[in-house]
Protein backbone atom coordinates (compact mmCIF):
# COMPACT_ATOMS: atom_id res chain seq x y z
CA UNK A 1 60.26 -99.74 -194.79
CA UNK A 2 62.18 -103.00 -195.00
CA UNK A 3 62.20 -105.50 -192.18
CA UNK A 4 65.54 -105.92 -190.47
CA UNK A 5 66.89 -109.44 -190.43
CA UNK A 6 69.54 -110.62 -188.04
CA UNK A 7 70.98 -113.83 -186.77
CA UNK A 8 69.40 -115.57 -183.81
CA UNK A 9 72.82 -115.61 -182.12
CA UNK A 10 73.00 -111.82 -182.23
CA UNK A 11 69.56 -111.60 -180.65
CA UNK A 12 70.67 -113.91 -177.82
CA UNK A 13 73.78 -111.84 -177.25
CA UNK A 14 71.65 -108.71 -177.00
CA UNK A 15 69.45 -110.49 -174.46
CA UNK A 16 72.54 -111.44 -172.44
CA UNK A 17 73.66 -107.81 -172.46
CA UNK A 18 70.24 -106.79 -171.20
CA UNK A 19 70.41 -109.30 -168.34
CA UNK A 20 73.82 -108.01 -167.35
CA UNK A 21 72.96 -104.32 -167.50
CA UNK A 22 70.77 -103.54 -164.49
CA UNK A 23 71.75 -105.97 -161.73
CA UNK A 24 75.42 -104.93 -161.44
CA UNK A 25 74.31 -101.32 -160.90
CA UNK A 26 72.26 -101.95 -157.77
CA UNK A 27 73.79 -103.19 -154.51
CA UNK A 28 70.54 -104.89 -153.46
CA UNK A 29 69.95 -106.69 -156.77
CA UNK A 30 71.16 -110.00 -155.34
CA UNK A 31 69.90 -111.79 -152.27
CA UNK A 32 73.44 -112.27 -150.99
CA UNK A 33 76.72 -110.52 -151.69
CA UNK A 34 77.62 -107.52 -153.75
CA UNK A 35 77.26 -107.34 -157.52
CA UNK A 36 81.05 -107.43 -157.99
CA UNK A 37 81.04 -110.93 -156.52
CA UNK A 38 78.91 -112.20 -159.40
CA UNK A 39 81.07 -110.89 -162.23
CA UNK A 40 84.62 -111.42 -163.37
CA UNK A 41 86.94 -109.80 -165.85
CA UNK A 42 86.20 -112.68 -168.22
CA UNK A 43 82.46 -111.99 -168.07
CA UNK A 44 83.09 -108.27 -168.61
CA UNK A 45 85.25 -108.97 -171.66
CA UNK A 46 82.61 -111.31 -173.06
CA UNK A 47 79.91 -108.65 -172.64
CA UNK A 48 82.14 -106.04 -174.30
CA UNK A 49 82.54 -108.39 -177.25
CA UNK A 50 78.78 -108.87 -177.45
CA UNK A 51 78.21 -105.12 -177.31
CA UNK A 52 80.71 -104.57 -180.13
CA UNK A 53 78.90 -107.15 -182.28
CA UNK A 54 75.53 -105.50 -181.67
CA UNK A 55 76.93 -102.03 -182.39
CA UNK A 56 78.54 -103.23 -185.61
CA UNK A 57 75.23 -104.72 -186.69
CA UNK A 58 73.41 -101.47 -185.94
CA UNK A 59 76.00 -99.47 -187.88
CA UNK A 60 75.69 -101.77 -190.90
CA UNK A 61 71.91 -101.58 -190.82
CA UNK A 62 71.95 -97.77 -190.47
CA UNK A 63 74.24 -97.51 -193.50
CA UNK A 64 72.05 -99.90 -195.48
CA UNK A 65 68.85 -98.08 -194.55
CA UNK A 66 70.39 -94.69 -195.31
CA UNK A 67 71.01 -95.94 -198.84
CA UNK A 68 67.32 -96.69 -199.42
């Protein structure tokens, strides 16, 4: 099986998605305030963009691997 190669930037975006996945779901994740106080529409839109980039990468890799 071939090794998958991807850009460092994509890896960092996936890490950012990971950091922003769990905390907003739990009301006691932050020492003070509610999770909604730590996020904005701008942050949400940025994370959606990151998720789309990761999904597009996965789709391209799946297509490439299916051709092997």
